[in-house]
Amino acid sequence: MSVRVSLVAAARSSALLSERFGDDRPLDHAGLRDVQFAAHALVPLGAAELRYCSPTPRSRATGDALGFAPLSQPALRDCDMGCWRGLTLAEVAAYDPAGVNTWLGDPRSAPHGGESLLAFIFRIGGWLDTRPVQDGSVVAVAEPGVVRAALVYALGAPPSAYWHVDVRPLSVTTITGLPGRWHLSVEALPD
């Protein structure tokens, strides 16, 4: 018995350079257009027995636009960035460069007063490990950071690997296995 978890990165809600920590903005017109363009490849994932999403507006809107009717999962929220919430990385680096360096270099640190990278990765891993163990499938629409954390956890990679994973909007990452024994599955989407 194993479970198949397909993680769909939420569509974008802003330009990459204007992304903010804890960004709760809904999908913009370009993001909704991207969902409509990718729907032919992503809609079949909605046949999963269990369909979830991160509690962010753009994750919910992405799941709804794909017809998944996902159940919001608080455990799939993005990393709690404390007092940096709502700011861009450039803004934080301008007033707290030492804090940014500490945060990027030490996965146990939380200079923003929120959640450390290590705690975030283990929270997402805990969510993975509590999926019902059955021969079946799960789809979850989540923020790119959540997908990155799930990959680091599933592969047993060091937390620093988080910074070396690029998750594009509307990309699909599939993890198969059992709690504590996950495998990355790389597949081509149908044309």
Foldseek 3Di string as FASTA:
>chain_A
DKEKEKEFEFFDQDPPQQDFAQDQGARDPVRLVVLVVCLVLVLVLLVFPAEAEAPGRRRCVSCVSSVNNHHHDPLQHAFWLAQRGPDGPVVCCVPPVVLVVCLLPPQCDRPNPTHGLVRNLVSLLVVVQPDDGDPTYYYYYGHPLSVLSPVCQQVVHPSNCSVVDDDHHRDMWMWMGHRVHIDTDDDDTDD
